[in-house]
Every structure is written in C-alpha cells, then in structure tokens.
C-alpha cells in the first residue's frame, strides 16, 4: 500500500487513474488548494526545464566524464559474478605449465649441444716445437725444460729454467 507522499507525487505527475484517483482526491482536505499547488508545481517544473539547460562540455571535461563512466562500469562489473562465457585470464595456470615445460626442454636441448664434451685437443704447435727443440749448451749451459700437465689434460705448463734467450724463429710465431 502506498503512503500519502507516494500518492501525492503520483497525483502531481498525473500517474493516478480510475478508482485510485477518485479515492485520493476524496481524501484531500482542500481540493482547490491542492489543485493550485499542482499547477504551481507544473509551472516550476517547466520553468526549471527552460532555465536550467545542461551546459556543453569542453573536450577535457568530456574526456574526464568518459573516464568516470568507464571506472564506474568497471566497478559494477567487479561486483557482478563472472559469467559463463567470460574471457579467460591472460596466463592461466595450464598455459604457464606448458610454457615452463617447453622452455625447460629448449634449455636442455641447447645445453646438450653447447656443453657436450669434446675430445682432448691436440697439442699446440708452439709446445711441439719447443719440446722438439734442443737447447744449445754453448748458449745456455744450465737450461732445463720441464712440462707439467693438469689432471684432466686441459692445461699444460712449460717451465723453462736457465734459458737466456729463445732462437728468433720462436719469436715470430
């Protein structure tokens, strides 16, 4: 059941009809004063519609208005539960697992080809020439050559002690 204020507003707006209109008008203490108030309310409404026009928005204000509307729409969408046909997330868990597994496989393949162990390299031509050379006892009578290799054979250290100079053919290489 409507309150008096709801019925009054509906009567001012012209929304009452039939039995409801007759019943409401019968309940008014002074129908002439109510009709005068109704006319005044209609005059005031027309005057306000005429005088209070919405002003045209500038570009900047229109842009801000659009942003506010979009933010309000996003806030309303956040309150509404997700629909069945909603767009899935950018990176769901399943996709992350597949991307991770693929990346790991690519890493393993690259590591295999890059890091596979090569056979021991041949000795350097410089080392071979020095080992095959004989130290001239007239030039360096106390010269000795000692060679040390690491356990894996990747590093060779040549210790030349007492050699005063190398022959010129070694310096050119």
C-alpha atoms as a PDB file:
ATOM      1  CA  UNK A   1       0.000   0.000   0.000  1.00  0.00           C
ATOM      2  CA  UNK A   2       1.328   3.424  -0.942  1.00  0.00           C
ATOM      3  CA  UNK A   3       1.910   6.151   1.604  1.00  0.00           C
ATOM      4  CA  UNK A   4       0.285   9.567   1.265  1.00  0.00           C
ATOM      5  CA  UNK A   5       3.529  11.094  -0.042  1.00  0.00           C
ATOM      6  CA  UNK A   6       3.816   8.450  -2.780  1.00  0.00           C
ATOM      7  CA  UNK A   7       0.199   9.007  -3.791  1.00  0.00           C
ATOM      8  CA  UNK A   8       0.708  12.815  -3.692  1.00  0.00           C
ATOM      9  CA  UNK A   9       3.748  12.583  -6.009  1.00  0.00           C
ATOM     10  CA  UNK A  10       1.918  10.244  -8.373  1.00  0.00           C
ATOM     11  CA  UNK A  11      -1.077  12.641  -8.420  1.00  0.00           C
ATOM     12  CA  UNK A  12       1.226  15.625  -9.195  1.00  0.00           C
ATOM     13  CA  UNK A  13       2.831  13.661 -12.031  1.00  0.00           C
ATOM     14  CA  UNK A  14      -0.569  12.582 -13.380  1.00  0.00           C
ATOM     15  CA  UNK A  15       0.072   8.885 -12.807  1.00  0.00           C
ATOM     16  CA  UNK A  16      -3.094   8.150 -10.817  1.00  0.00           C
ATOM     17  CA  UNK A  17      -6.166   6.967 -12.678  1.00  0.00           C
ATOM     18  CA  UNK A  18      -9.559   5.401 -12.115  1.00  0.00           C
ATOM     19  CA  UNK A  19     -10.548   4.349  -8.620  1.00  0.00           C
ATOM     20  CA  UNK A  20      -7.183   5.259  -7.182  1.00  0.00           C
ATOM     21  CA  UNK A  21      -7.503   8.862  -8.450  1.00  0.00           C
ATOM     22  CA  UNK A  22     -11.058   9.229  -7.111  1.00  0.00           C
ATOM     23  CA  UNK A  23     -10.082   7.771  -3.734  1.00  0.00           C
ATOM     24  CA  UNK A  24      -7.037  10.086  -3.408  1.00  0.00           C
ATOM     25  CA  UNK A  25      -8.972  13.235  -4.410  1.00  0.00           C
ATOM     26  CA  UNK A  26     -11.678  12.318  -1.885  1.00  0.00           C
ATOM     27  CA  UNK A  27      -9.044  12.085   0.869  1.00  0.00           C
ATOM     28  CA  UNK A  28      -7.748  15.637   0.231  1.00  0.00           C
ATOM     29  CA  UNK A  29      -8.987  18.162   2.867  1.00  0.00           C
ATOM     30  CA  UNK A  30      -8.922  21.129   0.438  1.00  0.00           C
ATOM     31  CA  UNK A  31      -9.093  20.052  -3.190  1.00  0.00           C
ATOM     32  CA  UNK A  32      -8.874  23.632  -4.578  1.00  0.00           C
ATOM     33  CA  UNK A  33      -5.648  24.363  -2.664  1.00  0.00           C
ATOM     34  CA  UNK A  34      -4.212  21.032  -3.841  1.00  0.00           C
ATOM     35  CA  UNK A  35      -5.097  21.864  -7.479  1.00  0.00           C
ATOM     36  CA  UNK A  36      -3.383  25.272  -7.085  1.00  0.00           C
ATOM     37  CA  UNK A  37      -0.304  23.580  -5.668  1.00  0.00           C
ATOM     38  CA  UNK A  38      -0.320  21.096  -8.559  1.00  0.00           C
ATOM     39  CA  UNK A  39      -0.435  23.982 -11.089  1.00  0.00           C
ATOM     40  CA  UNK A  40       2.409  25.751  -9.273  1.00  0.00           C
ATOM     41  CA  UNK A  41       4.499  22.564  -9.288  1.00  0.00           C
ATOM     42  CA  UNK A  42       3.955  22.144 -13.049  1.00  0.00           C
ATOM     43  CA  UNK A  43       4.883  25.820 -13.648  1.00  0.00           C
ATOM     44  CA  UNK A  44       8.030  25.419 -11.547  1.00  0.00           C
ATOM     45  CA  UNK A  45       9.000  22.238 -13.437  1.00  0.00           C
ATOM     46  CA  UNK A  46       8.532  23.910 -16.820  1.00  0.00           C
ATOM     47  CA  UNK A  47      10.497  26.980 -15.675  1.00  0.00           C
ATOM     48  CA  UNK A  48      13.386  24.840 -14.405  1.00  0.00           C
ATOM     49  CA  UNK A  49      13.499  22.805 -17.619  1.00  0.00           C
ATOM     50  CA  UNK A  50      13.610  26.022 -19.612  1.00  0.00           C
ATOM     51  CA  UNK A  51      16.214  27.827 -17.497  1.00  0.00           C
ATOM     52  CA  UNK A  52      18.468  25.017 -16.351  1.00  0.00           C
ATOM     53  CA  UNK A  53      19.818  23.623 -19.580  1.00  0.00           C
ATOM     54  CA  UNK A  54      22.815  21.332 -19.331  1.00  0.00           C
ATOM     55  CA  UNK A  55      25.888  23.222 -20.457  1.00  0.00           C
ATOM     56  CA  UNK A  56      28.019  21.847 -23.264  1.00  0.00           C
ATOM     57  CA  UNK A  57      31.098  20.086 -22.028  1.00  0.00           C
ATOM     58  CA  UNK A  58      34.524  21.011 -23.301  1.00  0.00           C
ATOM     59  CA  UNK A  59      36.870  18.382 -24.640  1.00  0.00           C
ATOM     60  CA  UNK A  60      38.708  17.941 -21.370  1.00  0.00           C
ATOM     61  CA  UNK A  61      35.520  17.628 -19.323  1.00  0.00           C
ATOM     62  CA  UNK A  62      34.051  15.168 -21.816  1.00  0.00           C
ATOM     63  CA  UNK A  63      37.184  13.035 -21.577  1.00  0.00           C
ATOM     64  CA  UNK A  64      37.032  13.057 -17.754  1.00  0.00           C
ATOM     65  CA  UNK A  65      33.335  12.211 -17.941  1.00  0.00           C
ATOM     66  CA  UNK A  66      34.097   9.228 -20.155  1.00  0.00           C
ATOM     67  CA  UNK A  67      36.809   8.051 -17.762  1.00  0.00           C
ATOM     68  CA  UNK A  68      34.482   8.342 -14.778  1.00  0.00           C
ATOM     69  CA  UNK A  69      31.797   6.382 -16.633  1.00  0.00           C
ATOM     70  CA  UNK A  70      34.295   3.665 -17.558  1.00  0.00           C
ATOM     71  CA  UNK A  71      35.568   3.427 -13.967  1.00  0.00           C
ATOM     72  CA  UNK A  72      32.008   3.193 -12.681  1.00  0.00           C
ATOM     73  CA  UNK A  73      31.262   0.479 -15.251  1.00  0.00           C
ATOM     74  CA  UNK A  74      34.358  -1.468 -14.181  1.00  0.00           C
ATOM     75  CA  UNK A  75      33.321  -1.177 -10.547  1.00  0.00           C
ATOM     76  CA  UNK A  76      29.848  -2.516 -11.406  1.00  0.00           C
ATOM     77  CA  UNK A  77      31.403  -5.355 -13.426  1.00  0.00           C
ATOM     78  CA  UNK A  78      33.617  -6.272 -10.481  1.00  0.00           C
ATOM     79  CA  UNK A  79      30.550  -6.629  -8.273  1.00  0.00           C
ATOM     80  CA  UNK A  80      28.753  -8.890 -10.766  1.00  0.00           C
ATOM     81  CA  UNK A  81      29.858 -12.554 -10.579  1.00  0.00           C
ATOM     82  CA  UNK A  82      31.720 -13.844 -13.608  1.00  0.00           C
ATOM     83  CA  UNK A  83      29.616 -15.032 -16.479  1.00  0.00           C
ATOM     84  CA  UNK A  84      29.988 -18.481 -18.025  1.00  0.00           C
ATOM     85  CA  UNK A  85      31.161 -17.024 -21.349  1.00  0.00           C
ATOM     86  CA  UNK A  86      33.652 -14.635 -19.770  1.00  0.00           C
ATOM     87  CA  UNK A  87      37.044 -14.167 -21.383  1.00  0.00           C
ATOM     88  CA  UNK A  88      39.729 -16.298 -19.649  1.00  0.00           C
ATOM     89  CA  UNK A  89      42.712 -14.763 -17.910  1.00  0.00           C
ATOM     90  CA  UNK A  90      45.784 -13.864 -19.957  1.00  0.00           C
ATOM     91  CA  UNK A  91      48.047 -16.540 -18.418  1.00  0.00           C
ATOM     92  CA  UNK A  92      46.014 -19.283 -16.766  1.00  0.00           C
ATOM     93  CA  UNK A  93      47.839 -21.975 -14.786  1.00  0.00           C
ATOM     94  CA  UNK A  94      47.636 -24.567 -17.570  1.00  0.00           C
ATOM     95  CA  UNK A  95      49.256 -22.242 -20.076  1.00  0.00           C
ATOM     96  CA  UNK A  96      52.006 -21.351 -17.587  1.00  0.00           C
ATOM     97  CA  UNK A  97      52.789 -25.041 -17.049  1.00  0.00           C
ATOM     98  CA  UNK A  98      53.076 -25.681 -20.797  1.00  0.00           C
ATOM     99  CA  UNK A  99      55.232 -22.606 -21.374  1.00  0.00           C
ATOM    100  CA  UNK A 100      57.509 -23.596 -18.479  1.00  0.00           C
ATOM    101  CA  UNK A 101      57.877 -27.185 -19.718  1.00  0.00           C
ATOM    102  CA  UNK A 102      58.620 -26.014 -23.268  1.00  0.00           C
ATOM    103  CA  UNK A 103      61.199 -23.506 -22.032  1.00  0.00           C
ATOM    104  CA  UNK A 104      62.888 -26.173 -19.928  1.00  0.00           C
ATOM    105  CA  UNK A 105      63.031 -28.562 -22.899  1.00  0.00           C
ATOM    106  CA  UNK A 106      64.540 -25.886 -25.144  1.00  0.00           C
ATOM    107  CA  UNK A 107      67.099 -25.068 -22.446  1.00  0.00           C
ATOM    108  CA  UNK A 108      68.081 -28.761 -22.107  1.00  0.00           C
ATOM    109  CA  UNK A 109      68.498 -29.189 -25.879  1.00  0.00           C
ATOM    110  CA  UNK A 110      70.624 -26.038 -26.155  1.00  0.00           C
ATOM    111  CA  UNK A 111      72.720 -27.085 -23.174  1.00  0.00           C
ATOM    112  CA  UNK A 112      73.313 -30.511 -24.690  1.00  0.00           C
ATOM    113  CA  UNK A 113      74.585 -29.076 -27.973  1.00  0.00           C
ATOM    114  CA  UNK A 114      76.622 -26.267 -26.452  1.00  0.00           C
ATOM    115  CA  UNK A 115      78.111 -28.075 -23.488  1.00  0.00           C
ATOM    116  CA  UNK A 116      78.755 -31.530 -24.900  1.00  0.00           C
ATOM    117  CA  UNK A 117      82.260 -32.563 -24.106  1.00  0.00           C
ATOM    118  CA  UNK A 118      84.775 -32.515 -26.897  1.00  0.00           C
ATOM    119  CA  UNK A 119      87.743 -34.836 -27.108  1.00  0.00           C
ATOM    120  CA  UNK A 120      91.080 -33.581 -25.800  1.00  0.00           C
ATOM    121  CA  UNK A 121      92.564 -31.049 -28.152  1.00  0.00           C
ATOM    122  CA  UNK A 122      95.850 -31.702 -29.881  1.00  0.00           C
ATOM    123  CA  UNK A 123      98.917 -30.053 -28.501  1.00  0.00           C
ATOM    124  CA  UNK A 124      99.728 -26.570 -29.669  1.00  0.00           C
ATOM    125  CA  UNK A 125     102.254 -26.239 -32.458  1.00  0.00           C
ATOM    126  CA  UNK A 126     104.316 -23.964 -30.210  1.00  0.00           C
ATOM    127  CA  UNK A 127     104.566 -26.593 -27.480  1.00  0.00           C
ATOM    128  CA  UNK A 128     105.517 -29.256 -30.006  1.00  0.00           C
ATOM    129  CA  UNK A 129     108.278 -27.091 -31.455  1.00  0.00           C
ATOM    130  CA  UNK A 130     109.691 -26.223 -28.036  1.00  0.00           C
ATOM    131  CA  UNK A 131     109.690 -29.857 -26.897  1.00  0.00           C
ATOM    132  CA  UNK A 132     111.416 -30.945 -30.094  1.00  0.00           C
ATOM    133  CA  UNK A 133     113.991 -28.172 -29.880  1.00  0.00           C
ATOM    134  CA  UNK A 134     117.279 -28.798 -28.247  1.00  0.00           C
ATOM    135  CA  UNK A 135     118.763 -26.210 -26.048  1.00  0.00           C
ATOM    136  CA  UNK A 136     122.244 -25.270 -27.253  1.00  0.00           C
ATOM    137  CA  UNK A 137     124.614 -25.981 -24.363  1.00  0.00           C
ATOM    138  CA  UNK A 138     127.038 -23.337 -25.658  1.00  0.00           C
ATOM    139  CA  UNK A 139     124.403 -20.564 -25.400  1.00  0.00           C
ATOM    140  CA  UNK A 140     122.652 -21.723 -22.197  1.00  0.00           C
ATOM    141  CA  UNK A 141     124.621 -24.452 -20.460  1.00  0.00           C
ATOM    142  CA  UNK A 142     122.280 -24.679 -17.405  1.00  0.00           C
ATOM    143  CA  UNK A 143     118.928 -24.577 -19.261  1.00  0.00           C
ATOM    144  CA  UNK A 144     116.298 -27.201 -18.406  1.00  0.00           C
ATOM    145  CA  UNK A 145     112.811 -27.714 -19.772  1.00  0.00           C
ATOM    146  CA  UNK A 146     110.118 -29.230 -17.537  1.00  0.00           C
ATOM    147  CA  UNK A 147     106.490 -29.871 -18.567  1.00  0.00           C
ATOM    148  CA  UNK A 148     103.561 -30.138 -16.126  1.00  0.00           C
ATOM    149  CA  UNK A 149     100.035 -31.215 -17.170  1.00  0.00           C
ATOM    150  CA  UNK A 150      96.824 -30.876 -15.186  1.00  0.00           C
ATOM    151  CA  UNK A 151      94.909 -33.989 -14.161  1.00  0.00           C
ATOM    152  CA  UNK A 152      92.380 -33.620 -16.966  1.00  0.00           C
ATOM    153  CA  UNK A 153      94.995 -32.809 -19.589  1.00  0.00           C
ATOM    154  CA  UNK A 154      93.443 -29.454 -20.474  1.00  0.00           C
ATOM    155  CA  UNK A 155      96.278 -27.281 -19.162  1.00  0.00           C
ATOM    156  CA  UNK A 156      99.965 -27.742 -19.844  1.00  0.00           C
ATOM    157  CA  UNK A 157     102.610 -25.625 -18.134  1.00  0.00           C
ATOM    158  CA  UNK A 158     106.072 -25.468 -19.660  1.00  0.00           C
ATOM    159  CA  UNK A 159     108.790 -24.425 -17.251  1.00  0.00           C
ATOM    160  CA  UNK A 160     111.971 -23.237 -18.931  1.00  0.00           C
ATOM    161  CA  UNK A 161     114.735 -22.567 -16.417  1.00  0.00           C
ATOM    162  CA  UNK A 162     118.132 -21.045 -17.211  1.00  0.00           C
ATOM    163  CA  UNK A 163     117.341 -20.159 -20.817  1.00  0.00           C
ATOM    164  CA  UNK A 164     118.889 -16.837 -21.708  1.00  0.00           C
ATOM    165  CA  UNK A 165     117.045 -16.331 -24.991  1.00  0.00           C
ATOM    166  CA  UNK A 166     114.848 -18.208 -27.448  1.00  0.00           C
ATOM    167  CA  UNK A 167     116.004 -18.526 -31.020  1.00  0.00           C
ATOM    168  CA  UNK A 168     114.451 -15.946 -33.405  1.00  0.00           C
ATOM    169  CA  UNK A 169     112.218 -18.495 -35.207  1.00  0.00           C
ATOM    170  CA  UNK A 170     110.152 -18.917 -31.982  1.00  0.00           C
ATOM    171  CA  UNK A 171     109.586 -15.191 -31.560  1.00  0.00           C
ATOM    172  CA  UNK A 172     107.943 -14.827 -34.976  1.00  0.00           C
ATOM    173  CA  UNK A 173     105.067 -17.175 -34.260  1.00  0.00           C
END
